[in-house]
Amino acid sequence: MAAPTKPPAFYNGPMTKLTFRNATLDDIEAITALVTSAYRGQASRAGWTTEADLLDGQRIDREVLAHDLSRADSRVLLAYRDDALVACAHVAREGDAGYFGMFSVRPTLQGAGIGKDVMVEAERIARQELGVEVMRMSVIDVRESLIAFYERRGYVRTGTFKPFPYGDARFGTPLRDDLRFEVLEKALV
């Protein structure tokens, strides 16, 4: 009999069921703090999704977030465990497909299954509430471990690339000159 799988070293306690709700404009500061902690600066190094060696500065712009919260067919999903915000994701309709982005899990809880649960809920929202059959996302193409995570969840690389918005401080300060986004997608039916 195989030994039980241990949670990663940065896992900090027993899991409880997540509860979800849609964000409001009142949540902007909490979302900004969570997203920044998951991707930028020293705090992000506690998890595996850090972009600290690729980008510096902000990860999310408050004005863009406010716009995303206010537009039709767009929502930011918040995930709570024991009344604490532990994850978020942006889900929106873009044309005939869903868009999945701003996916963030508290760094000290990454690797404990929270992200998988958030993705399942985001895909349900896209399929059932937004009525789309395909979900797309854009990932910095040098993030091989992150792309592999999404591939294990059923996303495929499309071979479509988008330029990184160099010079636009809303997306942070690049520490490399070779960044670009690759589009991944998954059929939801």
N, C-alpha and C. Protein backbone atom coordinates (compact mmCIF):
# COMPACT_ATOMS: atom_id res chain seq x y z
N MET A 1 0.84 -1.18 0.00
CA MET A 1 0.00 0.00 0.00
C MET A 1 0.89 1.24 0.00
N ALA A 2 0.59 2.17 -0.87
CA ALA A 2 1.39 3.39 -0.99
C ALA A 2 1.14 4.31 0.19
N ALA A 3 2.19 5.02 0.57
CA ALA A 3 2.05 6.00 1.66
C ALA A 3 1.17 7.15 1.19
N PRO A 4 0.41 7.73 2.10
CA PRO A 4 -0.44 8.86 1.69
C PRO A 4 0.41 10.02 1.20
N THR A 5 -0.13 10.73 0.25
CA THR A 5 0.55 11.89 -0.29
C THR A 5 0.52 13.01 0.73
N LYS A 6 1.69 13.61 0.98
CA LYS A 6 1.76 14.72 1.92
C LYS A 6 1.52 16.02 1.18
N PRO A 7 0.87 16.97 1.85
CA PRO A 7 0.72 18.28 1.22
C PRO A 7 2.09 18.94 1.10
N PRO A 8 2.22 19.93 0.22
CA PRO A 8 3.50 20.60 0.07
C PRO A 8 3.94 21.26 1.38
N ALA A 9 5.24 21.53 1.49
CA ALA A 9 5.80 22.09 2.71
C ALA A 9 5.15 23.41 3.11
N PHE A 10 4.65 24.17 2.13
CA PHE A 10 4.08 25.47 2.45
C PHE A 10 2.60 25.41 2.78
N TYR A 11 2.02 24.22 2.77
CA TYR A 11 0.61 24.03 3.15
C TYR A 11 0.50 24.25 4.65
N ASN A 12 -0.50 25.00 5.10
CA ASN A 12 -0.54 25.35 6.51
C ASN A 12 -1.81 24.94 7.25
N GLY A 13 -2.31 23.78 7.01
CA GLY A 13 -3.43 23.34 7.82
C GLY A 13 -4.46 22.53 7.06
N PRO A 14 -5.45 22.02 7.80
CA PRO A 14 -6.48 21.19 7.17
C PRO A 14 -7.36 22.02 6.23
N MET A 15 -7.80 21.39 5.20
CA MET A 15 -8.65 22.07 4.23
C MET A 15 -10.10 22.03 4.69
N THR A 16 -10.80 23.10 4.44
CA THR A 16 -12.24 23.13 4.64
C THR A 16 -12.84 23.56 3.32
N LYS A 17 -14.10 23.32 3.19
CA LYS A 17 -14.79 23.64 1.95
C LYS A 17 -14.71 25.14 1.65
N LEU A 18 -14.53 25.44 0.39
CA LEU A 18 -14.51 26.84 -0.04
C LEU A 18 -15.93 27.35 -0.22
N THR A 19 -16.12 28.61 0.03
CA THR A 19 -17.36 29.29 -0.32
C THR A 19 -17.00 30.36 -1.34
N PHE A 20 -17.91 30.62 -2.26
CA PHE A 20 -17.66 31.55 -3.35
C PHE A 20 -18.68 32.67 -3.34
N ARG A 21 -18.24 33.82 -3.83
CA ARG A 21 -19.15 34.92 -4.10
C ARG A 21 -18.53 35.81 -5.16
N ASN A 22 -19.39 36.60 -5.81
CA ASN A 22 -18.91 37.57 -6.79
C ASN A 22 -18.40 38.80 -6.06
N ALA A 23 -17.29 39.34 -6.53
CA ALA A 23 -16.71 40.54 -5.93
C ALA A 23 -17.55 41.76 -6.26
N THR A 24 -17.40 42.78 -5.43
CA THR A 24 -18.02 44.09 -5.66
C THR A 24 -16.90 45.13 -5.65
N LEU A 25 -17.26 46.36 -5.95
CA LEU A 25 -16.28 47.44 -5.92
C LEU A 25 -15.65 47.59 -4.53
N ASP A 26 -16.36 47.20 -3.50
CA ASP A 26 -15.82 47.28 -2.13
C ASP A 26 -14.67 46.31 -1.90
N ASP A 27 -14.48 45.34 -2.79
CA ASP A 27 -13.45 44.32 -2.62
C ASP A 27 -12.14 44.65 -3.33
N ILE A 28 -12.06 45.79 -4.00
CA ILE A 28 -10.89 46.09 -4.83
C ILE A 28 -9.58 46.02 -4.05
N GLU A 29 -9.52 46.59 -2.87
CA GLU A 29 -8.26 46.58 -2.11
C GLU A 29 -7.86 45.17 -1.71
N ALA A 30 -8.81 44.35 -1.26
CA ALA A 30 -8.50 42.98 -0.87
C ALA A 30 -8.05 42.15 -2.07
N ILE A 31 -8.69 42.34 -3.21
CA ILE A 31 -8.30 41.62 -4.43
C ILE A 31 -6.90 42.04 -4.86
N THR A 32 -6.64 43.33 -4.86
CA THR A 32 -5.33 43.84 -5.25
C THR A 32 -4.24 43.26 -4.36
N ALA A 33 -4.47 43.22 -3.06
CA ALA A 33 -3.48 42.66 -2.14
C ALA A 33 -3.25 41.18 -2.40
N LEU A 34 -4.33 40.42 -2.62
CA LEU A 34 -4.19 38.98 -2.87
C LEU A 34 -3.43 38.72 -4.16
N VAL A 35 -3.82 39.39 -5.24
CA VAL A 35 -3.19 39.16 -6.54
C VAL A 35 -1.71 39.54 -6.48
N THR A 36 -1.40 40.67 -5.87
CA THR A 36 -0.01 41.09 -5.76
C THR A 36 0.80 40.09 -4.96
N SER A 37 0.25 39.60 -3.85
CA SER A 37 0.99 38.64 -3.01
C SER A 37 1.24 37.32 -3.73
N ALA A 38 0.37 36.96 -4.65
CA ALA A 38 0.52 35.69 -5.37
C ALA A 38 1.57 35.75 -6.47
N TYR A 39 1.86 36.94 -6.99
CA TYR A 39 2.73 37.03 -8.16
C TYR A 39 3.96 37.92 -8.02
N ARG A 40 3.93 38.91 -7.15
CA ARG A 40 5.01 39.89 -7.11
C ARG A 40 5.63 39.99 -5.73
N GLY A 41 6.90 40.37 -5.72
CA GLY A 41 7.59 40.65 -4.47
C GLY A 41 7.95 39.41 -3.69
N GLN A 42 8.53 39.64 -2.53
CA GLN A 42 9.02 38.55 -1.69
C GLN A 42 7.91 37.62 -1.22
N ALA A 43 6.74 38.17 -0.90
CA ALA A 43 5.63 37.33 -0.42
C ALA A 43 5.26 36.26 -1.44
N SER A 44 5.38 36.57 -2.73
CA SER A 44 4.99 35.62 -3.77
C SER A 44 5.90 34.40 -3.81
N ARG A 45 7.10 34.51 -3.26
CA ARG A 45 8.05 33.39 -3.29
C ARG A 45 7.64 32.26 -2.35
N ALA A 46 6.65 32.48 -1.50
CA ALA A 46 6.15 31.42 -0.63
C ALA A 46 5.35 30.39 -1.42
N GLY A 47 4.89 30.75 -2.61
CA GLY A 47 4.15 29.84 -3.48
C GLY A 47 4.95 29.51 -4.72
N TRP A 48 4.32 28.83 -5.65
CA TRP A 48 5.02 28.44 -6.87
C TRP A 48 4.63 29.28 -8.09
N THR A 49 3.71 30.22 -7.94
CA THR A 49 3.24 31.01 -9.09
C THR A 49 3.95 32.34 -9.23
N THR A 50 4.98 32.60 -8.45
CA THR A 50 5.64 33.89 -8.46
C THR A 50 6.13 34.30 -9.86
N GLU A 51 5.99 35.58 -10.13
CA GLU A 51 6.56 36.19 -11.34
C GLU A 51 7.69 37.15 -10.97
N ALA A 52 8.16 37.06 -9.72
CA ALA A 52 9.11 38.03 -9.19
C ALA A 52 10.41 38.10 -9.98
N ASP A 53 10.78 37.04 -10.67
CA ASP A 53 11.99 37.07 -11.49
C ASP A 53 11.72 37.57 -12.90
N LEU A 54 10.46 37.76 -13.24
CA LEU A 54 10.07 38.22 -14.58
C LEU A 54 9.58 39.66 -14.59
N LEU A 55 8.86 40.03 -13.53
CA LEU A 55 8.20 41.34 -13.49
C LEU A 55 8.27 41.92 -12.09
N ASP A 56 8.31 43.23 -12.04
CA ASP A 56 8.26 43.96 -10.78
C ASP A 56 7.07 44.91 -10.84
N GLY A 57 6.78 45.57 -9.75
CA GLY A 57 5.70 46.54 -9.76
C GLY A 57 4.35 45.88 -9.58
N GLN A 58 3.31 46.60 -9.97
CA GLN A 58 1.96 46.10 -9.74
C GLN A 58 1.59 44.96 -10.68
N ARG A 59 0.69 44.11 -10.23
CA ARG A 59 0.19 43.00 -11.05
C ARG A 59 -1.20 43.32 -11.59
N ILE A 60 -1.90 44.21 -10.89
CA ILE A 60 -3.26 44.55 -11.30
C ILE A 60 -3.48 46.03 -11.10
N ASP A 61 -4.21 46.61 -12.00
CA ASP A 61 -4.53 48.03 -11.94
C ASP A 61 -5.93 48.19 -11.36
N ARG A 62 -6.07 49.03 -10.35
CA ARG A 62 -7.37 49.20 -9.68
C ARG A 62 -8.45 49.71 -10.63
N GLU A 63 -8.10 50.59 -11.56
CA GLU A 63 -9.09 51.11 -12.51
C GLU A 63 -9.57 50.01 -13.46
N VAL A 64 -8.64 49.19 -13.93
CA VAL A 64 -9.03 48.07 -14.80
C VAL A 64 -9.91 47.10 -14.02
N LEU A 65 -9.55 46.83 -12.78
CA LEU A 65 -10.35 45.94 -11.95
C LEU A 65 -11.76 46.50 -11.74
N ALA A 66 -11.86 47.79 -11.46
CA ALA A 66 -13.18 48.42 -11.29
C ALA A 66 -14.00 48.29 -12.57
N HIS A 67 -13.35 48.47 -13.72
CA HIS A 67 -14.05 48.32 -15.00
C HIS A 67 -14.54 46.87 -15.16
N ASP A 68 -13.68 45.89 -14.86
CA ASP A 68 -14.06 44.49 -14.99
C ASP A 68 -15.24 44.14 -14.07
N LEU A 69 -15.27 44.75 -12.89
CA LEU A 69 -16.36 44.48 -11.95
C LEU A 69 -17.67 45.12 -12.40
N SER A 70 -17.59 46.15 -13.22
CA SER A 70 -18.77 46.92 -13.61
C SER A 70 -19.38 46.50 -14.94
N ARG A 71 -18.64 45.79 -15.77
CA ARG A 71 -19.17 45.50 -17.10
C ARG A 71 -20.02 44.22 -17.10
N ALA A 72 -20.92 44.17 -18.07
CA ALA A 72 -21.80 43.01 -18.22
C ALA A 72 -20.98 41.78 -18.60
N ASP A 73 -21.47 40.62 -18.27
CA ASP A 73 -20.81 39.35 -18.61
C ASP A 73 -19.38 39.27 -18.11
N SER A 74 -19.12 39.86 -16.95
CA SER A 74 -17.79 39.84 -16.34
C SER A 74 -17.97 39.79 -14.84
N ARG A 75 -17.20 38.94 -14.20
CA ARG A 75 -17.23 38.91 -12.74
C ARG A 75 -15.89 38.45 -12.21
N VAL A 76 -15.61 38.87 -11.02
CA VAL A 76 -14.44 38.38 -10.30
C VAL A 76 -14.96 37.48 -9.20
N LEU A 77 -14.56 36.24 -9.28
CA LEU A 77 -14.98 35.21 -8.34
C LEU A 77 -14.03 35.24 -7.14
N LEU A 78 -14.59 35.32 -5.95
CA LEU A 78 -13.80 35.28 -4.72
C LEU A 78 -14.05 33.95 -4.02
N ALA A 79 -12.97 33.35 -3.51
CA ALA A 79 -13.07 32.08 -2.79
C ALA A 79 -12.62 32.30 -1.35
N TYR A 80 -13.45 31.84 -0.43
CA TYR A 80 -13.18 31.99 1.00
C TYR A 80 -13.06 30.64 1.66
N ARG A 81 -12.20 30.58 2.66
CA ARG A 81 -12.10 29.42 3.54
C ARG A 81 -12.14 29.98 4.96
N ASP A 82 -13.13 29.57 5.72
CA ASP A 82 -13.29 30.06 7.10
C ASP A 82 -13.28 31.59 7.15
N ASP A 83 -14.04 32.22 6.30
CA ASP A 83 -14.19 33.68 6.26
C ASP A 83 -12.94 34.44 5.81
N ALA A 84 -11.91 33.75 5.37
CA ALA A 84 -10.70 34.42 4.88
C ALA A 84 -10.63 34.30 3.35
N LEU A 85 -10.35 35.40 2.68
CA LEU A 85 -10.18 35.37 1.23
C LEU A 85 -8.91 34.60 0.90
N VAL A 86 -9.04 33.53 0.13
CA VAL A 86 -7.88 32.68 -0.18
C VAL A 86 -7.58 32.61 -1.67
N ALA A 87 -8.53 33.01 -2.53
CA ALA A 87 -8.29 32.92 -3.97
C ALA A 87 -9.28 33.79 -4.72
N CYS A 88 -8.92 34.08 -5.97
CA CYS A 88 -9.83 34.82 -6.84
C CYS A 88 -9.52 34.49 -8.30
N ALA A 89 -10.46 34.82 -9.17
CA ALA A 89 -10.27 34.65 -10.61
C ALA A 89 -11.27 35.55 -11.33
N HIS A 90 -10.86 36.06 -12.47
CA HIS A 90 -11.74 36.85 -13.32
C HIS A 90 -12.32 35.93 -14.38
N VAL A 91 -13.62 35.95 -14.54
CA VAL A 91 -14.32 35.17 -15.55
C VAL A 91 -15.18 36.14 -16.34
N ALA A 92 -15.05 36.10 -17.67
CA ALA A 92 -15.82 37.03 -18.50
C ALA A 92 -16.11 36.40 -19.85
N ARG A 93 -17.13 36.94 -20.50
CA ARG A 93 -17.41 36.55 -21.88
C ARG A 93 -16.63 37.51 -22.77
N GLU A 94 -15.89 36.95 -23.70
CA GLU A 94 -15.20 37.74 -24.72
C GLU A 94 -15.56 37.12 -26.07
N GLY A 95 -16.51 37.74 -26.74
CA GLY A 95 -17.01 37.17 -27.99
C GLY A 95 -17.75 35.89 -27.71
N ASP A 96 -17.35 34.82 -28.40
CA ASP A 96 -18.03 33.53 -28.25
C ASP A 96 -17.35 32.62 -27.24
N ALA A 97 -16.38 33.13 -26.49
CA ALA A 97 -15.64 32.31 -25.54
C ALA A 97 -15.61 32.97 -24.17
N GLY A 98 -15.29 32.16 -23.19
CA GLY A 98 -15.05 32.69 -21.86
C GLY A 98 -13.59 33.07 -21.72
N TYR A 99 -13.32 33.98 -20.83
CA TYR A 99 -11.94 34.38 -20.52
C TYR A 99 -11.70 34.11 -19.05
N PHE A 100 -10.56 33.51 -18.74
CA PHE A 100 -10.17 33.19 -17.38
C PHE A 100 -8.86 33.90 -17.09
N GLY A 101 -8.84 34.73 -16.07
CA GLY A 101 -7.61 35.46 -15.75
C GLY A 101 -7.58 35.90 -14.31
N MET A 102 -6.52 36.63 -13.97
CA MET A 102 -6.33 37.17 -12.62
C MET A 102 -6.45 36.06 -11.57
N PHE A 103 -6.07 34.86 -11.93
CA PHE A 103 -6.19 33.68 -11.08
C PHE A 103 -5.12 33.75 -10.00
N SER A 104 -5.54 33.81 -8.76
CA SER A 104 -4.60 33.97 -7.66
C SER A 104 -5.04 33.16 -6.46
N VAL A 105 -4.07 32.48 -5.86
CA VAL A 105 -4.29 31.75 -4.61
C VAL A 105 -3.25 32.26 -3.61
N ARG A 106 -3.67 32.46 -2.38
CA ARG A 106 -2.73 32.91 -1.35
C ARG A 106 -1.48 32.03 -1.41
N PRO A 107 -0.29 32.62 -1.47
CA PRO A 107 0.94 31.84 -1.68
C PRO A 107 1.15 30.70 -0.68
N THR A 108 0.84 30.91 0.58
CA THR A 108 1.07 29.86 1.58
C THR A 108 0.07 28.71 1.47
N LEU A 109 -0.95 28.86 0.63
CA LEU A 109 -1.94 27.80 0.43
C LEU A 109 -1.84 27.15 -0.95
N GLN A 110 -0.92 27.62 -1.78
CA GLN A 110 -0.77 27.05 -3.11
C GLN A 110 -0.31 25.60 -3.01
N GLY A 111 -0.85 24.76 -3.88
CA GLY A 111 -0.51 23.35 -3.88
C GLY A 111 -1.44 22.50 -3.02
N ALA A 112 -2.45 23.12 -2.43
CA ALA A 112 -3.35 22.39 -1.53
C ALA A 112 -4.71 22.10 -2.15
N GLY A 113 -4.88 22.34 -3.46
CA GLY A 113 -6.13 22.01 -4.14
C GLY A 113 -7.10 23.16 -4.29
N ILE A 114 -6.81 24.30 -3.68
CA ILE A 114 -7.72 25.44 -3.78
C ILE A 114 -7.86 25.91 -5.22
N GLY A 115 -6.75 26.03 -5.92
CA GLY A 115 -6.78 26.49 -7.30
C GLY A 115 -7.63 25.61 -8.19
N LYS A 116 -7.53 24.31 -8.01
CA LYS A 116 -8.34 23.39 -8.82
C LYS A 116 -9.83 23.64 -8.58
N ASP A 117 -10.20 23.82 -7.31
CA ASP A 117 -11.60 24.07 -6.99
C ASP A 117 -12.09 25.39 -7.58
N VAL A 118 -11.25 26.41 -7.53
CA VAL A 118 -11.62 27.71 -8.11
C VAL A 118 -11.80 27.58 -9.62
N MET A 119 -10.92 26.85 -10.28
CA MET A 119 -11.05 26.66 -11.72
C MET A 119 -12.35 25.94 -12.08
N VAL A 120 -12.70 24.92 -11.32
CA VAL A 120 -13.96 24.19 -11.57
C VAL A 120 -15.14 25.14 -11.46
N GLU A 121 -15.16 25.98 -10.43
CA GLU A 121 -16.26 26.93 -10.26
C GLU A 121 -16.26 27.98 -11.37
N ALA A 122 -15.09 28.47 -11.76
CA ALA A 122 -15.01 29.46 -12.84
C ALA A 122 -15.52 28.86 -14.15
N GLU A 123 -15.16 27.62 -14.43
CA GLU A 123 -15.62 26.97 -15.65
C GLU A 123 -17.13 26.73 -15.61
N ARG A 124 -17.66 26.42 -14.44
CA ARG A 124 -19.11 26.27 -14.29
C ARG A 124 -19.81 27.59 -14.60
N ILE A 125 -19.31 28.67 -14.06
CA ILE A 125 -19.88 29.99 -14.31
C ILE A 125 -19.84 30.31 -15.81
N ALA A 126 -18.71 30.06 -16.43
CA ALA A 126 -18.58 30.35 -17.87
C ALA A 126 -19.60 29.56 -18.68
N ARG A 127 -19.74 28.29 -18.35
CA ARG A 127 -20.63 27.41 -19.10
C ARG A 127 -22.10 27.70 -18.79
N GLN A 128 -22.46 27.72 -17.52
CA GLN A 128 -23.87 27.81 -17.13
C GLN A 128 -24.41 29.23 -17.09
N GLU A 129 -23.62 30.18 -16.64
CA GLU A 129 -24.12 31.54 -16.49
C GLU A 129 -23.79 32.44 -17.67
N LEU A 130 -22.63 32.24 -18.28
CA LEU A 130 -22.25 33.07 -19.43
C LEU A 130 -22.57 32.37 -20.75
N GLY A 131 -22.88 31.08 -20.70
CA GLY A 131 -23.31 30.35 -21.89
C GLY A 131 -22.24 30.11 -22.94
N VAL A 132 -20.99 29.97 -22.52
CA VAL A 132 -19.92 29.73 -23.49
C VAL A 132 -19.48 28.27 -23.44
N GLU A 133 -18.91 27.81 -24.53
CA GLU A 133 -18.48 26.42 -24.62
C GLU A 133 -16.97 26.27 -24.60
N VAL A 134 -16.25 27.39 -24.63
CA VAL A 134 -14.78 27.38 -24.64
C VAL A 134 -14.30 28.43 -23.64
N MET A 135 -13.26 28.08 -22.89
CA MET A 135 -12.62 29.03 -21.98
C MET A 135 -11.20 29.27 -22.51
N ARG A 136 -10.79 30.54 -22.53
CA ARG A 136 -9.44 30.91 -22.96
C ARG A 136 -8.72 31.67 -21.86
N MET A 137 -7.41 31.63 -21.93
CA MET A 137 -6.58 32.41 -21.02
C MET A 137 -5.28 32.74 -21.72
N SER A 138 -4.60 33.75 -21.23
CA SER A 138 -3.29 34.14 -21.75
C SER A 138 -2.28 33.98 -20.63
N VAL A 139 -1.19 33.26 -20.92
CA VAL A 139 -0.16 32.96 -19.93
C VAL A 139 1.19 33.39 -20.50
N ILE A 140 2.03 34.00 -19.67
CA ILE A 140 3.38 34.33 -20.13
C ILE A 140 4.05 33.03 -20.54
N ASP A 141 4.53 32.97 -21.78
CA ASP A 141 4.94 31.69 -22.35
C ASP A 141 6.20 31.09 -21.73
N VAL A 142 6.97 31.83 -20.97
CA VAL A 142 8.13 31.24 -20.29
C VAL A 142 7.74 30.60 -18.96
N ARG A 143 6.48 30.67 -18.59
CA ARG A 143 5.99 30.08 -17.33
C ARG A 143 5.61 28.61 -17.56
N GLU A 144 6.59 27.78 -17.87
CA GLU A 144 6.34 26.39 -18.24
C GLU A 144 5.62 25.60 -17.15
N SER A 145 5.99 25.79 -15.89
CA SER A 145 5.31 25.03 -14.82
C SER A 145 3.86 25.45 -14.69
N LEU A 146 3.56 26.71 -14.91
CA LEU A 146 2.18 27.18 -14.85
C LEU A 146 1.38 26.64 -16.04
N ILE A 147 1.98 26.68 -17.22
CA ILE A 147 1.32 26.12 -18.40
C ILE A 147 1.06 24.63 -18.20
N ALA A 148 2.03 23.92 -17.63
CA ALA A 148 1.84 22.48 -17.37
C ALA A 148 0.68 22.24 -16.40
N PHE A 149 0.53 23.10 -15.39
CA PHE A 149 -0.60 23.01 -14.46
C PHE A 149 -1.91 23.12 -15.24
N TYR A 150 -2.01 24.12 -16.12
CA TYR A 150 -3.23 24.30 -16.90
C TYR A 150 -3.46 23.13 -17.86
N GLU A 151 -2.40 22.60 -18.43
CA GLU A 151 -2.55 21.44 -19.32
C GLU A 151 -3.10 20.24 -18.55
N ARG A 152 -2.68 20.06 -17.32
CA ARG A 152 -3.22 18.97 -16.50
C ARG A 152 -4.69 19.19 -16.20
N ARG A 153 -5.18 20.40 -16.30
CA ARG A 153 -6.59 20.72 -16.09
C ARG A 153 -7.37 20.70 -17.40
N GLY A 154 -6.74 20.28 -18.51
CA GLY A 154 -7.45 20.14 -19.77
C GLY A 154 -7.27 21.27 -20.77
N TYR A 155 -6.48 22.28 -20.44
CA TYR A 155 -6.23 23.38 -21.37
C TYR A 155 -5.16 22.97 -22.36
N VAL A 156 -5.26 23.48 -23.57
CA VAL A 156 -4.27 23.17 -24.60
C VAL A 156 -3.68 24.46 -25.14
N ARG A 157 -2.42 24.36 -25.54
CA ARG A 157 -1.74 25.49 -26.15
C ARG A 157 -2.28 25.66 -27.56
N THR A 158 -2.64 26.88 -27.91
CA THR A 158 -3.22 27.13 -29.23
C THR A 158 -2.18 27.51 -30.27
N GLY A 159 -0.99 27.88 -29.83
CA GLY A 159 0.02 28.37 -30.77
C GLY A 159 -0.18 29.84 -31.12
N THR A 160 -1.17 30.46 -30.51
CA THR A 160 -1.42 31.89 -30.72
C THR A 160 -0.70 32.67 -29.63
N PHE A 161 0.05 33.68 -30.04
CA PHE A 161 0.81 34.50 -29.10
C PHE A 161 0.36 35.94 -29.19
N LYS A 162 0.46 36.64 -28.05
CA LYS A 162 0.13 38.06 -27.98
C LYS A 162 1.35 38.78 -27.41
N PRO A 163 1.61 39.98 -27.86
CA PRO A 163 2.77 40.70 -27.32
C PRO A 163 2.54 41.12 -25.88
N PHE A 164 3.62 41.18 -25.12
CA PHE A 164 3.53 41.71 -23.76
C PHE A 164 3.44 43.23 -23.85
N PRO A 165 2.62 43.87 -23.03
CA PRO A 165 2.45 45.33 -23.12
C PRO A 165 3.60 46.11 -22.48
N TYR A 166 4.78 46.00 -23.08
CA TYR A 166 5.94 46.75 -22.57
C TYR A 166 5.60 48.24 -22.57
N GLY A 167 6.04 48.93 -21.54
CA GLY A 167 5.82 50.37 -21.44
C GLY A 167 4.50 50.75 -20.80
N ASP A 168 3.64 49.78 -20.51
CA ASP A 168 2.35 50.06 -19.86
C ASP A 168 2.47 49.66 -18.39
N ALA A 169 2.68 50.64 -17.53
CA ALA A 169 2.93 50.38 -16.11
C ALA A 169 1.78 49.66 -15.42
N ARG A 170 0.59 49.65 -16.03
CA ARG A 170 -0.54 48.94 -15.42
C ARG A 170 -0.25 47.45 -15.28
N PHE A 171 0.68 46.93 -16.06
CA PHE A 171 0.98 45.50 -16.06
C PHE A 171 2.30 45.19 -15.38
N GLY A 172 2.91 46.18 -14.74
CA GLY A 172 4.17 45.96 -14.04
C GLY A 172 5.36 46.37 -14.88
N THR A 173 6.53 46.17 -14.29
CA THR A 173 7.79 46.53 -14.93
C THR A 173 8.52 45.24 -15.31
N PRO A 174 8.64 44.96 -16.60
CA PRO A 174 9.32 43.73 -17.03
C PRO A 174 10.80 43.75 -16.65
N LEU A 175 11.30 42.60 -16.22
CA LEU A 175 12.71 42.43 -15.90
C LEU A 175 13.43 41.69 -17.01
N ARG A 176 12.70 41.34 -18.06
CA ARG A 176 13.25 40.65 -19.24
C ARG A 176 12.64 41.28 -20.48
N ASP A 177 13.32 41.09 -21.60
CA ASP A 177 12.82 41.68 -22.85
C ASP A 177 12.22 40.65 -23.80
N ASP A 178 11.98 39.43 -23.31
CA ASP A 178 11.48 38.36 -24.18
C ASP A 178 10.10 37.84 -23.76
N LEU A 179 9.34 38.65 -23.05
CA LEU A 179 8.03 38.19 -22.57
C LEU A 179 6.95 38.34 -23.64
N ARG A 180 6.09 37.36 -23.69
CA ARG A 180 4.90 37.40 -24.54
C ARG A 180 3.89 36.44 -23.92
N PHE A 181 2.65 36.56 -24.35
CA PHE A 181 1.58 35.71 -23.85
C PHE A 181 1.27 34.62 -24.87
N GLU A 182 0.97 33.42 -24.37
CA GLU A 182 0.44 32.36 -25.21
C GLU A 182 -1.00 32.11 -24.79
N VAL A 183 -1.87 31.91 -25.77
CA VAL A 183 -3.28 31.66 -25.51
C VAL A 183 -3.48 30.15 -25.32
N LEU A 184 -4.12 29.79 -24.22
CA LEU A 184 -4.52 28.42 -23.95
C LEU A 184 -6.04 28.38 -23.98
N GLU A 185 -6.60 27.22 -24.31
CA GLU A 185 -8.06 27.11 -24.29
C GLU A 185 -8.49 25.70 -23.91
N LYS A 186 -9.74 25.63 -23.48
CA LYS A 186 -10.33 24.36 -23.06
C LYS A 186 -11.79 24.34 -23.50
N ALA A 187 -12.21 23.22 -24.08
CA ALA A 187 -13.62 23.03 -24.39
C ALA A 187 -14.35 22.72 -23.09
N LEU A 188 -15.47 23.40 -22.86
CA LEU A 188 -16.22 23.23 -21.62
C LEU A 188 -17.40 22.29 -21.77
N VAL A 189 -17.59 21.72 -22.95
CA VAL A 189 -18.72 20.82 -23.18
C VAL A 189 -18.25 19.40 -23.32
